[in-house]
């Protein structure tokens, strides 16, 4: 789990299957000692985990990613330069407990990471 250590939720607003959250990254987290020394970069796997954990926070239950239809890393996030990132998360819960998710992580009005996929809960 990354929430509470790697990142914290500064604010979250929700409306009809959509959430907009401001996340505060921890630039002193030990992961940045190896990724990369002197030039910290948020790993892609951490961005994906942040999407999963925000979805679980919103739904109030655990999820499992079943499919990643689209995952694109567009811009590096350096937590020392920009510790606040914005997550825009949209989701639709189907009758079969499948959750269709579209999410972006961004900073300074630019998208850094895009995701589209399917979770189960």
PDB file of N, CA and C in Angstrom:
ATOM      1  N   UNK A   1       0.833  -1.172   0.000  1.00  0.00           N
ATOM      2  CA  UNK A   1       0.000   0.000   0.000  1.00  0.00           C
ATOM      3  C   UNK A   1       0.885   1.246   0.000  1.00  0.00           C
ATOM      4  N   UNK A   2       0.615   2.148  -0.923  1.00  0.00           N
ATOM      5  CA  UNK A   2       1.397   3.378  -1.051  1.00  0.00           C
ATOM      6  C   UNK A   2       0.761   4.547  -0.296  1.00  0.00           C
ATOM      7  N   UNK A   3      -0.563   4.527  -0.161  1.00  0.00           N
ATOM      8  CA  UNK A   3      -1.252   5.644   0.483  1.00  0.00           C
ATOM      9  C   UNK A   3      -0.829   5.745   1.945  1.00  0.00           C
ATOM     10  N   UNK A   4      -0.503   6.957   2.354  1.00  0.00           N
ATOM     11  CA  UNK A   4      -0.083   7.200   3.723  1.00  0.00           C
ATOM     12  C   UNK A   4       1.415   7.251   3.886  1.00  0.00           C
ATOM     13  N   UNK A   5       2.150   6.711   2.903  1.00  0.00           N
ATOM     14  CA  UNK A   5       3.604   6.709   2.978  1.00  0.00           C
ATOM     15  C   UNK A   5       4.210   7.305   1.719  1.00  0.00           C
ATOM     16  N   UNK A   6       3.877   6.741   0.565  1.00  0.00           N
ATOM     17  CA  UNK A   6       4.375   7.241  -0.717  1.00  0.00           C
ATOM     18  C   UNK A   6       3.599   8.487  -1.148  1.00  0.00           C
ATOM     19  N   UNK A   7       2.287   8.471  -0.876  1.00  0.00           N
ATOM     20  CA  UNK A   7       1.444   9.628  -1.177  1.00  0.00           C
ATOM     21  C   UNK A   7       0.343   9.749  -0.140  1.00  0.00           C
ATOM     22  N   UNK A   8      -0.172  10.961   0.000  1.00  0.00           N
ATOM     23  CA  UNK A   8      -1.342  11.204   0.835  1.00  0.00           C
ATOM     24  C   UNK A   8      -2.378  11.939  -0.020  1.00  0.00           C
ATOM     25  N   UNK A   9      -3.623  11.822   0.393  1.00  0.00           N
ATOM     26  CA  UNK A   9      -4.711  12.492  -0.309  1.00  0.00           C
ATOM     27  C   UNK A   9      -4.900  13.862   0.341  1.00  0.00           C
ATOM     28  N   UNK A  10      -4.635  14.922  -0.412  1.00  0.00           N
ATOM     29  CA  UNK A  10      -4.818  16.279   0.102  1.00  0.00           C
ATOM     30  C   UNK A  10      -6.278  16.695   0.016  1.00  0.00           C
ATOM     31  N   UNK A  11      -6.916  16.338  -1.096  1.00  0.00           N
ATOM     32  CA  UNK A  11      -8.340  16.636  -1.261  1.00  0.00           C
ATOM     33  C   UNK A  11      -8.913  15.716  -2.320  1.00  0.00           C
ATOM     34  N   UNK A  12     -10.218  15.489  -2.215  1.00  0.00           N
ATOM     35  CA  UNK A  12     -10.909  14.684  -3.226  1.00  0.00           C
ATOM     36  C   UNK A  12     -12.345  15.191  -3.333  1.00  0.00           C
ATOM     37  N   UNK A  13     -12.763  15.383  -4.574  1.00  0.00           N
ATOM     38  CA  UNK A  13     -14.137  15.773  -4.857  1.00  0.00           C
ATOM     39  C   UNK A  13     -14.765  14.711  -5.736  1.00  0.00           C
ATOM     40  N   UNK A  14     -15.989  14.330  -5.407  1.00  0.00           N
ATOM     41  CA  UNK A  14     -16.642  13.260  -6.152  1.00  0.00           C
ATOM     42  C   UNK A  14     -17.990  13.720  -6.669  1.00  0.00           C
ATOM     43  N   UNK A  15     -18.339  13.195  -7.867  1.00  0.00           N
ATOM     44  CA  UNK A  15     -19.634  13.501  -8.459  1.00  0.00           C
ATOM     45  C   UNK A  15     -19.971  12.449  -9.502  1.00  0.00           C
ATOM     46  N   UNK A  16     -21.004  11.657  -9.264  1.00  0.00           N
ATOM     47  CA  UNK A  16     -21.548  10.706 -10.244  1.00  0.00           C
ATOM     48  C   UNK A  16     -20.504   9.928 -11.041  1.00  0.00           C
ATOM     49  N   UNK A  17     -19.765   9.063 -10.380  1.00  0.00           N
ATOM     50  CA  UNK A  17     -18.800   8.227 -11.078  1.00  0.00           C
ATOM     51  C   UNK A  17     -17.538   8.943 -11.521  1.00  0.00           C
ATOM     52  N   UNK A  18     -17.262  10.055 -10.894  1.00  0.00           N
ATOM     53  CA  UNK A  18     -16.070  10.822 -11.237  1.00  0.00           C
ATOM     54  C   UNK A  18     -15.461  11.383  -9.961  1.00  0.00           C
ATOM     55  N   UNK A  19     -14.147  11.332  -9.881  1.00  0.00           N
ATOM     56  CA  UNK A  19     -13.452  11.892  -8.728  1.00  0.00           C
ATOM     57  C   UNK A  19     -12.256  12.693  -9.213  1.00  0.00           C
ATOM     58  N   UNK A  20     -12.041  13.809  -8.576  1.00  0.00           N
ATOM     59  CA  UNK A  20     -10.874  14.643  -8.847  1.00  0.00           C
ATOM     60  C   UNK A  20     -10.144  14.786  -7.520  1.00  0.00           C
ATOM     61  N   UNK A  21      -8.902  14.305  -7.483  1.00  0.00           N
ATOM     62  CA  UNK A  21      -8.152  14.289  -6.230  1.00  0.00           C
ATOM     63  C   UNK A  21      -6.801  14.969  -6.397  1.00  0.00           C
ATOM     64  N   UNK A  22      -6.394  15.664  -5.354  1.00  0.00           N
ATOM     65  CA  UNK A  22      -5.044  16.214  -5.286  1.00  0.00           C
ATOM     66  C   UNK A  22      -4.258  15.297  -4.361  1.00  0.00           C
ATOM     67  N   UNK A  23      -3.156  14.774  -4.884  1.00  0.00           N
ATOM     68  CA  UNK A  23      -2.328  13.833  -4.137  1.00  0.00           C
ATOM     69  C   UNK A  23      -0.974  14.469  -3.853  1.00  0.00           C
ATOM     70  N   UNK A  24      -0.496  14.289  -2.640  1.00  0.00           N
ATOM     71  CA  UNK A  24       0.782  14.851  -2.206  1.00  0.00           C
ATOM     72  C   UNK A  24       1.809  13.730  -2.139  1.00  0.00           C
ATOM     73  N   UNK A  25       2.806  13.793  -3.010  1.00  0.00           N
ATOM     74  CA  UNK A  25       3.857  12.778  -3.060  1.00  0.00           C
ATOM     75  C   UNK A  25       4.892  13.044  -1.973  1.00  0.00           C
ATOM     76  N   UNK A  26       5.492  11.985  -1.467  1.00  0.00           N
ATOM     77  CA  UNK A  26       6.526  12.081  -0.448  1.00  0.00           C
ATOM     78  C   UNK A  26       7.896  11.967  -1.122  1.00  0.00           C
ATOM     79  N   UNK A  27       8.578  13.097  -1.383  1.00  0.00           N
ATOM     80  CA  UNK A  27       9.864  13.035  -2.085  1.00  0.00           C
ATOM     81  C   UNK A  27      10.977  12.347  -1.300  1.00  0.00           C
ATOM     82  N   UNK A  28      10.775  12.125   0.000  1.00  0.00           N
ATOM     83  CA  UNK A  28      11.809  11.450   0.789  1.00  0.00           C
ATOM     84  C   UNK A  28      11.544   9.949   0.936  1.00  0.00           C
ATOM     85  N   UNK A  29      10.556   9.426   0.203  1.00  0.00           N
ATOM     86  CA  UNK A  29      10.264   7.987   0.266  1.00  0.00           C
ATOM     87  C   UNK A  29      11.490   7.202  -0.221  1.00  0.00           C
ATOM     88  N   UNK A  30      11.819   6.086   0.430  1.00  0.00           N
ATOM     89  CA  UNK A  30      13.008   5.295   0.070  1.00  0.00           C
ATOM     90  C   UNK A  30      13.042   4.810  -1.384  1.00  0.00           C
ATOM     91  N   UNK A  31      11.891   4.701  -2.046  1.00  0.00           N
ATOM     92  CA  UNK A  31      11.893   4.221  -3.431  1.00  0.00           C
ATOM     93  C   UNK A  31      12.718   5.128  -4.337  1.00  0.00           C
ATOM     94  N   UNK A  32      12.768   6.429  -3.998  1.00  0.00           N
ATOM     95  CA  UNK A  32      13.489   7.383  -4.849  1.00  0.00           C
ATOM     96  C   UNK A  32      15.005   7.288  -4.698  1.00  0.00           C
ATOM     97  N   UNK A  33      15.471   6.580  -3.668  1.00  0.00           N
ATOM     98  CA  UNK A  33      16.913   6.359  -3.524  1.00  0.00           C
ATOM     99  C   UNK A  33      17.434   5.493  -4.668  1.00  0.00           C
ATOM    100  N   UNK A  34      16.579   4.641  -5.206  1.00  0.00           N
ATOM    101  CA  UNK A  34      16.993   3.778  -6.310  1.00  0.00           C
ATOM    102  C   UNK A  34      16.345   4.134  -7.635  1.00  0.00           C
ATOM    103  N   UNK A  35      15.402   5.049  -7.630  1.00  0.00           N
ATOM    104  CA  UNK A  35      14.655   5.375  -8.861  1.00  0.00           C
ATOM    105  C   UNK A  35      14.525   6.878  -9.008  1.00  0.00           C
ATOM    106  N   UNK A  36      15.460   7.587  -9.326  1.00  0.00           N
ATOM    107  CA  UNK A  36      16.856   7.313  -9.601  1.00  0.00           C
ATOM    108  C   UNK A  36      17.702   8.200  -8.706  1.00  0.00           C
ATOM    109  N   UNK A  37      18.835   7.715  -8.193  1.00  0.00           N
ATOM    110  CA  UNK A  37      19.654   8.497  -7.266  1.00  0.00           C
ATOM    111  C   UNK A  37      20.001   9.880  -7.840  1.00  0.00           C
ATOM    112  N   UNK A  38      19.625  10.915  -7.096  1.00  0.00           N
ATOM    113  CA  UNK A  38      19.905  12.283  -7.526  1.00  0.00           C
ATOM    114  C   UNK A  38      18.905  12.856  -8.516  1.00  0.00           C
ATOM    115  N   UNK A  39      18.108  12.013  -9.122  1.00  0.00           N
ATOM    116  CA  UNK A  39      17.094  12.433 -10.107  1.00  0.00           C
ATOM    117  C   UNK A  39      15.823  11.607  -9.888  1.00  0.00           C
ATOM    118  N   UNK A  40      15.096  11.867  -8.804  1.00  0.00           N
ATOM    119  CA  UNK A  40      13.933  11.026  -8.484  1.00  0.00           C
ATOM    120  C   UNK A  40      12.824  11.122  -9.529  1.00  0.00           C
ATOM    121  N   UNK A  41      12.262   9.960  -9.853  1.00  0.00           N
ATOM    122  CA  UNK A  41      11.174   9.854 -10.820  1.00  0.00           C
ATOM    123  C   UNK A  41      10.143   8.880 -10.246  1.00  0.00           C
ATOM    124  N   UNK A  42       8.868   9.258 -10.279  1.00  0.00           N
ATOM    125  CA  UNK A  42       7.808   8.358  -9.819  1.00  0.00           C
ATOM    126  C   UNK A  42       7.732   7.180 -10.789  1.00  0.00           C
ATOM    127  N   UNK A  43       7.946   5.950 -10.288  1.00  0.00           N
ATOM    128  CA  UNK A  43       7.876   4.781 -11.168  1.00  0.00           C
ATOM    129  C   UNK A  43       6.477   4.582 -11.737  1.00  0.00           C
ATOM    130  N   UNK A  44       6.408   4.089 -12.957  1.00  0.00           N
ATOM    131  CA  UNK A  44       5.129   3.822 -13.599  1.00  0.00           C
ATOM    132  C   UNK A  44       4.262   2.867 -12.806  1.00  0.00           C
ATOM    133  N   UNK A  45       4.868   1.860 -12.217  1.00  0.00           N
ATOM    134  CA  UNK A  45       4.095   0.894 -11.431  1.00  0.00           C
ATOM    135  C   UNK A  45       3.460   1.577 -10.221  1.00  0.00           C
ATOM    136  N   UNK A  46       4.108   2.590  -9.680  1.00  0.00           N
ATOM    137  CA  UNK A  46       3.529   3.341  -8.560  1.00  0.00           C
ATOM    138  C   UNK A  46       2.349   4.192  -9.028  1.00  0.00           C
ATOM    139  N   UNK A  47       2.445   4.753 -10.227  1.00  0.00           N
ATOM    140  CA  UNK A  47       1.316   5.521 -10.761  1.00  0.00           C
ATOM    141  C   UNK A  47       0.095   4.617 -10.910  1.00  0.00           C
ATOM    142  N   UNK A  48       0.317   3.406 -11.404  1.00  0.00           N
ATOM    143  CA  UNK A  48      -0.782   2.462 -11.575  1.00  0.00           C
ATOM    144  C   UNK A  48      -1.357   2.058 -10.224  1.00  0.00           C
ATOM    145  N   UNK A  49      -0.499   1.833  -9.250  1.00  0.00           N
ATOM    146  CA  UNK A  49      -0.947   1.465  -7.908  1.00  0.00           C
ATOM    147  C   UNK A  49      -1.741   2.610  -7.264  1.00  0.00           C
ATOM    148  N   UNK A  50      -1.356   3.845  -7.541  1.00  0.00           N
ATOM    149  CA  UNK A  50      -2.082   4.998  -7.017  1.00  0.00           C
ATOM    150  C   UNK A  50      -3.507   5.028  -7.567  1.00  0.00           C
ATOM    151  N   UNK A  51      -3.671   4.684  -8.844  1.00  0.00           N
ATOM    152  CA  UNK A  51      -5.017   4.609  -9.434  1.00  0.00           C
ATOM    153  C   UNK A  51      -5.837   3.550  -8.707  1.00  0.00           C
ATOM    154  N   UNK A  52      -5.258   2.372  -8.514  1.00  0.00           N
ATOM    155  CA  UNK A  52      -5.953   1.277  -7.834  1.00  0.00           C
ATOM    156  C   UNK A  52      -6.357   1.690  -6.416  1.00  0.00           C
ATOM    157  N   UNK A  53      -5.434   2.294  -5.678  1.00  0.00           N
ATOM    158  CA  UNK A  53      -5.723   2.669  -4.297  1.00  0.00           C
ATOM    159  C   UNK A  53      -6.749   3.795  -4.211  1.00  0.00           C
ATOM    160  N   UNK A  54      -6.721   4.720  -5.149  1.00  0.00           N
ATOM    161  CA  UNK A  54      -7.754   5.774  -5.139  1.00  0.00           C
ATOM    162  C   UNK A  54      -9.121   5.188  -5.462  1.00  0.00           C
ATOM    163  N   UNK A  55      -9.175   4.248  -6.404  1.00  0.00           N
ATOM    164  CA  UNK A  55     -10.441   3.584  -6.711  1.00  0.00           C
ATOM    165  C   UNK A  55     -10.980   2.879  -5.466  1.00  0.00           C
ATOM    166  N   UNK A  56     -10.118   2.174  -4.753  1.00  0.00           N
ATOM    167  CA  UNK A  56     -10.532   1.476  -3.537  1.00  0.00           C
ATOM    168  C   UNK A  56     -10.978   2.471  -2.459  1.00  0.00           C
ATOM    169  N   UNK A  57     -10.303   3.587  -2.359  1.00  0.00           N
ATOM    170  CA  UNK A  57     -10.678   4.626  -1.399  1.00  0.00           C
ATOM    171  C   UNK A  57     -12.089   5.144  -1.709  1.00  0.00           C
ATOM    172  N   UNK A  58     -12.359   5.364  -2.962  1.00  0.00           N
ATOM    173  CA  UNK A  58     -13.658   5.892  -3.393  1.00  0.00           C
ATOM    174  C   UNK A  58     -14.769   4.858  -3.211  1.00  0.00           C
ATOM    175  N   UNK A  59     -14.490   3.608  -3.609  1.00  0.00           N
ATOM    176  CA  UNK A  59     -15.509   2.559  -3.528  1.00  0.00           C
ATOM    177  C   UNK A  59     -15.670   2.005  -2.117  1.00  0.00           C
ATOM    178  N   UNK A  60     -14.637   2.144  -1.296  1.00  0.00           N
ATOM    179  CA  UNK A  60     -14.686   1.594   0.060  1.00  0.00           C
ATOM    180  C   UNK A  60     -14.519   0.093   0.109  1.00  0.00           C
ATOM    181  N   UNK A  61     -13.883  -0.489  -0.918  1.00  0.00           N
ATOM    182  CA  UNK A  61     -13.635  -1.929  -0.941  1.00  0.00           C
ATOM    183  C   UNK A  61     -12.427  -2.246  -1.803  1.00  0.00           C
ATOM    184  N   UNK A  62     -11.882  -3.438  -1.600  1.00  0.00           N
ATOM    185  CA  UNK A  62     -10.719  -3.873  -2.362  1.00  0.00           C
ATOM    186  C   UNK A  62     -11.110  -4.179  -3.801  1.00  0.00           C
ATOM    187  N   UNK A  63     -10.140  -3.983  -4.693  1.00  0.00           N
ATOM    188  CA  UNK A  63     -10.349  -4.287  -6.109  1.00  0.00           C
ATOM    189  C   UNK A  63      -9.186  -5.118  -6.636  1.00  0.00           C
ATOM    190  N   UNK A  64      -9.403  -5.669  -7.795  1.00  0.00           N
ATOM    191  CA  UNK A  64      -8.349  -6.412  -8.490  1.00  0.00           C
ATOM    192  C   UNK A  64      -8.381  -5.969  -9.947  1.00  0.00           C
ATOM    193  N   UNK A  65      -7.222  -5.567 -10.463  1.00  0.00           N
ATOM    194  CA  UNK A  65      -7.181  -5.187 -11.872  1.00  0.00           C
ATOM    195  C   UNK A  65      -7.267  -6.452 -12.722  1.00  0.00           C
ATOM    196  N   UNK A  66      -8.214  -6.472 -13.626  1.00  0.00           N
ATOM    197  CA  UNK A  66      -8.384  -7.615 -14.518  1.00  0.00           C
ATOM    198  C   UNK A  66      -7.782  -7.354 -15.893  1.00  0.00           C
ATOM    199  N   UNK A  67      -7.816  -6.082 -16.297  1.00  0.00           N
ATOM    200  CA  UNK A  67      -7.350  -5.786 -17.646  1.00  0.00           C
ATOM    201  C   UNK A  67      -6.907  -4.327 -17.719  1.00  0.00           C
ATOM    202  N   UNK A  68      -5.806  -4.128 -18.414  1.00  0.00           N
ATOM    203  CA  UNK A  68      -5.340  -2.772 -18.719  1.00  0.00           C
ATOM    204  C   UNK A  68      -5.399  -2.620 -20.231  1.00  0.00           C
ATOM    205  N   UNK A  69      -6.435  -1.924 -20.710  1.00  0.00           N
ATOM    206  CA  UNK A  69      -6.606  -1.750 -22.146  1.00  0.00           C
ATOM    207  C   UNK A  69      -5.652  -0.706 -22.704  1.00  0.00           C
ATOM    208  N   UNK A  70      -5.340   0.268 -21.871  1.00  0.00           N
ATOM    209  CA  UNK A  70      -4.540   1.396 -22.331  1.00  0.00           C
ATOM    210  C   UNK A  70      -3.782   1.962 -21.132  1.00  0.00           C
ATOM    211  N   UNK A  71      -2.462   2.023 -21.253  1.00  0.00           N
ATOM    212  CA  UNK A  71      -1.627   2.574 -20.213  1.00  0.00           C
ATOM    213  C   UNK A  71      -0.512   3.356 -20.895  1.00  0.00           C
ATOM    214  N   UNK A  72      -0.460   4.652 -20.650  1.00  0.00           N
ATOM    215  CA  UNK A  72       0.511   5.468 -21.363  1.00  0.00           C
ATOM    216  C   UNK A  72       1.183   6.441 -20.397  1.00  0.00           C
ATOM    217  N   UNK A  73       2.504   6.454 -20.431  1.00  0.00           N
ATOM    218  CA  UNK A  73       3.306   7.344 -19.603  1.00  0.00           C
ATOM    219  C   UNK A  73       3.802   8.474 -20.499  1.00  0.00           C
ATOM    220  N   UNK A  74       3.351   9.689 -20.217  1.00  0.00           N
ATOM    221  CA  UNK A  74       3.586  10.813 -21.115  1.00  0.00           C
ATOM    222  C   UNK A  74       4.604  11.825 -20.604  1.00  0.00           C
ATOM    223  N   UNK A  75       4.771  11.882 -19.289  1.00  0.00           N
ATOM    224  CA  UNK A  75       5.659  12.885 -18.709  1.00  0.00           C
ATOM    225  C   UNK A  75       6.197  12.372 -17.380  1.00  0.00           C
ATOM    226  N   UNK A  76       7.464  12.635 -17.134  1.00  0.00           N
ATOM    227  CA  UNK A  76       8.108  12.235 -15.891  1.00  0.00           C
ATOM    228  C   UNK A  76       7.591  13.113 -14.750  1.00  0.00           C
ATOM    229  N   UNK A  77       7.373  12.489 -13.593  1.00  0.00           N
ATOM    230  CA  UNK A  77       7.007  13.235 -12.389  1.00  0.00           C
ATOM    231  C   UNK A  77       8.183  13.174 -11.427  1.00  0.00           C
ATOM    232  N   UNK A  78       8.781  14.322 -11.176  1.00  0.00           N
ATOM    233  CA  UNK A  78       9.872  14.435 -10.210  1.00  0.00           C
ATOM    234  C   UNK A  78       9.259  14.988  -8.925  1.00  0.00           C
ATOM    235  N   UNK A  79       9.211  14.185  -7.856  1.00  0.00           N
ATOM    236  CA  UNK A  79       8.533  14.625  -6.632  1.00  0.00           C
ATOM    237  C   UNK A  79       9.239  15.779  -5.919  1.00  0.00           C
ATOM    238  N   UNK A  80      10.502  16.003  -6.225  1.00  0.00           N
ATOM    239  CA  UNK A  80      11.195  17.143  -5.620  1.00  0.00           C
ATOM    240  C   UNK A  80      10.793  18.453  -6.287  1.00  0.00           C
ATOM    241  N   UNK A  81      10.447  18.388  -7.561  1.00  0.00           N
ATOM    242  CA  UNK A  81      10.022  19.582  -8.294  1.00  0.00           C
ATOM    243  C   UNK A  81       8.524  19.818  -8.187  1.00  0.00           C
ATOM    244  N   UNK A  82       7.756  18.717  -8.177  1.00  0.00           N
ATOM    245  CA  UNK A  82       6.292  18.788  -8.130  1.00  0.00           C
ATOM    246  C   UNK A  82       5.773  17.686  -7.219  1.00  0.00           C
ATOM    247  N   UNK A  83       5.507  18.012  -5.980  1.00  0.00           N
ATOM    248  CA  UNK A  83       5.028  16.971  -5.073  1.00  0.00           C
ATOM    249  C   UNK A  83       3.504  16.821  -5.120  1.00  0.00           C
ATOM    250  N   UNK A  84       2.806  17.802  -5.692  1.00  0.00           N
ATOM    251  CA  UNK A  84       1.346  17.699  -5.815  1.00  0.00           C
ATOM    252  C   UNK A  84       0.957  17.296  -7.230  1.00  0.00           C
ATOM    253  N   UNK A  85       0.198  16.222  -7.341  1.00  0.00           N
ATOM    254  CA  UNK A  85      -0.315  15.776  -8.633  1.00  0.00           C
ATOM    255  C   UNK A  85      -1.835  15.679  -8.538  1.00  0.00           C
ATOM    256  N   UNK A  86      -2.487  15.778  -9.680  1.00  0.00           N
ATOM    257  CA  UNK A  86      -3.947  15.714  -9.731  1.00  0.00           C
ATOM    258  C   UNK A  86      -4.357  14.424 -10.437  1.00  0.00           C
ATOM    259  N   UNK A  87      -5.242  13.676  -9.798  1.00  0.00           N
ATOM    260  CA  UNK A  87      -5.786  12.470 -10.415  1.00  0.00           C
ATOM    261  C   UNK A  87      -7.243  12.732 -10.781  1.00  0.00           C
ATOM    262  N   UNK A  88      -7.547  12.477 -12.038  1.00  0.00           N
ATOM    263  CA  UNK A  88      -8.919  12.527 -12.525  1.00  0.00           C
ATOM    264  C   UNK A  88      -9.325  11.084 -12.793  1.00  0.00           C
ATOM    265  N   UNK A  89     -10.274  10.579 -12.031  1.00  0.00           N
ATOM    266  CA  UNK A  89     -10.662   9.180 -12.107  1.00  0.00           C
ATOM    267  C   UNK A  89     -12.157   9.090 -12.400  1.00  0.00           C
ATOM    268  N   UNK A  90     -12.474   8.406 -13.494  1.00  0.00           N
ATOM    269  CA  UNK A  90     -13.869   8.189 -13.880  1.00  0.00           C
ATOM    270  C   UNK A  90     -14.116   6.678 -13.872  1.00  0.00           C
ATOM    271  N   UNK A  91     -15.287   6.281 -13.390  1.00  0.00           N
ATOM    272  CA  UNK A  91     -15.564   4.850 -13.303  1.00  0.00           C
ATOM    273  C   UNK A  91     -17.051   4.569 -13.502  1.00  0.00           C
ATOM    274  N   UNK A  92     -17.310   3.365 -14.014  1.00  0.00           N
ATOM    275  CA  UNK A  92     -18.673   2.871 -14.193  1.00  0.00           C
ATOM    276  C   UNK A  92     -18.709   1.473 -13.594  1.00  0.00           C
ATOM    277  N   UNK A  93     -19.637   1.256 -12.681  1.00  0.00           N
ATOM    278  CA  UNK A  93     -19.784  -0.064 -12.062  1.00  0.00           C
ATOM    279  C   UNK A  93     -20.864  -0.815 -12.816  1.00  0.00           C
ATOM    280  N   UNK A  94     -20.482  -1.961 -13.390  1.00  0.00           N
ATOM    281  CA  UNK A  94     -21.431  -2.792 -14.131  1.00  0.00           C
ATOM    282  C   UNK A  94     -22.151  -3.738 -13.166  1.00  0.00           C
ATOM    283  N   UNK A  95     -23.215  -4.361 -13.644  1.00  0.00           N
ATOM    284  CA  UNK A  95     -24.014  -5.271 -12.820  1.00  0.00           C
ATOM    285  C   UNK A  95     -23.216  -6.472 -12.322  1.00  0.00           C
ATOM    286  N   UNK A  96     -22.186  -6.869 -13.035  1.00  0.00           N
ATOM    287  CA  UNK A  96     -21.396  -8.046 -12.670  1.00  0.00           C
ATOM    288  C   UNK A  96     -20.236  -7.697 -11.721  1.00  0.00           C
ATOM    289  N   UNK A  97     -20.302  -6.554 -11.058  1.00  0.00           N
ATOM    290  CA  UNK A  97     -19.279  -6.076 -10.116  1.00  0.00           C
ATOM    291  C   UNK A  97     -17.955  -5.760 -10.796  1.00  0.00           C
ATOM    292  N   UNK A  98     -18.010  -5.544 -12.080  1.00  0.00           N
ATOM    293  CA  UNK A  98     -16.830  -5.086 -12.824  1.00  0.00           C
ATOM    294  C   UNK A  98     -16.850  -3.568 -12.845  1.00  0.00           C
ATOM    295  N   UNK A  99     -15.672  -2.968 -12.730  1.00  0.00           N
ATOM    296  CA  UNK A  99     -15.568  -1.511 -12.695  1.00  0.00           C
ATOM    297  C   UNK A  99     -14.706  -1.057 -13.868  1.00  0.00           C
ATOM    298  N   UNK A 100     -15.314  -0.336 -14.787  1.00  0.00           N
ATOM    299  CA  UNK A 100     -14.598   0.232 -15.930  1.00  0.00           C
ATOM    300  C   UNK A 100     -14.002   1.564 -15.474  1.00  0.00           C
ATOM    301  N   UNK A 101     -12.694   1.720 -15.682  1.00  0.00           N
ATOM    302  CA  UNK A 101     -11.984   2.876 -15.143  1.00  0.00           C
ATOM    303  C   UNK A 101     -11.213   3.603 -16.236  1.00  0.00           C
ATOM    304  N   UNK A 102     -11.292   4.923 -16.185  1.00  0.00           N
ATOM    305  CA  UNK A 102     -10.427   5.797 -16.986  1.00  0.00           C
ATOM    306  C   UNK A 102      -9.818   6.779 -16.003  1.00  0.00           C
ATOM    307  N   UNK A 103      -8.490   6.918 -16.039  1.00  0.00           N
ATOM    308  CA  UNK A 103      -7.833   7.798 -15.075  1.00  0.00           C
ATOM    309  C   UNK A 103      -6.642   8.499 -15.713  1.00  0.00           C
ATOM    310  N   UNK A 104      -6.367   9.683 -15.202  1.00  0.00           N
ATOM    311  CA  UNK A 104      -5.158  10.407 -15.586  1.00  0.00           C
ATOM    312  C   UNK A 104      -4.500  10.941 -14.323  1.00  0.00           C
ATOM    313  N   UNK A 105      -3.188  11.067 -14.390  1.00  0.00           N
ATOM    314  CA  UNK A 105      -2.400  11.763 -13.370  1.00  0.00           C
ATOM    315  C   UNK A 105      -1.754  12.928 -14.087  1.00  0.00           C
ATOM    316  N   UNK A 106      -1.818  14.096 -13.489  1.00  0.00           N
ATOM    317  CA  UNK A 106      -1.235  15.250 -14.159  1.00  0.00           C
ATOM    318  C   UNK A 106      -0.679  16.264 -13.187  1.00  0.00           C
ATOM    319  N   UNK A 107       0.073  17.188 -13.760  1.00  0.00           N
ATOM    320  CA  UNK A 107       0.577  18.322 -13.000  1.00  0.00           C
ATOM    321  C   UNK A 107       0.761  19.494 -13.936  1.00  0.00           C
ATOM    322  N   UNK A 108       0.590  20.666 -13.406  1.00  0.00           N
ATOM    323  CA  UNK A 108       0.708  21.896 -14.193  1.00  0.00           C
ATOM    324  C   UNK A 108      -0.196  21.876 -15.429  1.00  0.00           C
ATOM    325  N   UNK A 109      -1.353  21.230 -15.328  1.00  0.00           N
ATOM    326  CA  UNK A 109      -2.289  21.182 -16.445  1.00  0.00           C
ATOM    327  C   UNK A 109      -1.904  20.223 -17.553  1.00  0.00           C
ATOM    328  N   UNK A 110      -0.844  19.447 -17.350  1.00  0.00           N
ATOM    329  CA  UNK A 110      -0.397  18.487 -18.364  1.00  0.00           C
ATOM    330  C   UNK A 110      -0.577  17.067 -17.850  1.00  0.00           C
ATOM    331  N   UNK A 111      -1.024  16.176 -18.728  1.00  0.00           N
ATOM    332  CA  UNK A 111      -1.220  14.777 -18.368  1.00  0.00           C
ATOM    333  C   UNK A 111       0.131  14.066 -18.375  1.00  0.00           C
ATOM    334  N   UNK A 112       0.401  13.336 -17.285  1.00  0.00           N
ATOM    335  CA  UNK A 112       1.639  12.566 -17.156  1.00  0.00           C
ATOM    336  C   UNK A 112       1.413  11.077 -17.388  1.00  0.00           C
ATOM    337  N   UNK A 113       0.212  10.603 -17.045  1.00  0.00           N
ATOM    338  CA  UNK A 113      -0.101   9.180 -17.125  1.00  0.00           C
ATOM    339  C   UNK A 113      -1.581   9.029 -17.459  1.00  0.00           C
ATOM    340  N   UNK A 114      -1.872   8.114 -18.391  1.00  0.00           N
ATOM    341  CA  UNK A 114      -3.255   7.818 -18.779  1.00  0.00           C
ATOM    342  C   UNK A 114      -3.495   6.319 -18.620  1.00  0.00           C
ATOM    343  N   UNK A 115      -4.683   5.973 -18.139  1.00  0.00           N
ATOM    344  CA  UNK A 115      -5.039   4.574 -17.943  1.00  0.00           C
ATOM    345  C   UNK A 115      -6.495   4.350 -18.306  1.00  0.00           C
ATOM    346  N   UNK A 116      -6.736   3.211 -18.928  1.00  0.00           N
ATOM    347  CA  UNK A 116      -8.091   2.750 -19.183  1.00  0.00           C
ATOM    348  C   UNK A 116      -8.076   1.245 -18.963  1.00  0.00           C
ATOM    349  N   UNK A 117      -8.976   0.749 -18.137  1.00  0.00           N
ATOM    350  CA  UNK A 117      -8.978  -0.684 -17.871  1.00  0.00           C
ATOM    351  C   UNK A 117     -10.176  -1.140 -17.074  1.00  0.00           C
ATOM    352  N   UNK A 118     -10.078  -2.376 -16.584  1.00  0.00           N
ATOM    353  CA  UNK A 118     -11.177  -3.044 -15.897  1.00  0.00           C
ATOM    354  C   UNK A 118     -10.705  -3.622 -14.573  1.00  0.00           C
ATOM    355  N   UNK A 119     -11.483  -3.351 -13.531  1.00  0.00           N
ATOM    356  CA  UNK A 119     -11.229  -3.918 -12.206  1.00  0.00           C
ATOM    357  C   UNK A 119     -12.438  -4.732 -11.784  1.00  0.00           C
ATOM    358  N   UNK A 120     -12.236  -5.639 -10.855  1.00  0.00           N
ATOM    359  CA  UNK A 120     -13.358  -6.339 -10.230  1.00  0.00           C
ATOM    360  C   UNK A 120     -13.341  -6.027  -8.748  1.00  0.00           C
ATOM    361  N   UNK A 121     -14.528  -6.103  -8.137  1.00  0.00           N
ATOM    362  CA  UNK A 121     -14.605  -5.858  -6.691  1.00  0.00           C
ATOM    363  C   UNK A 121     -15.610  -6.786  -6.051  1.00  0.00           C
TER     364      UNK A 121
END
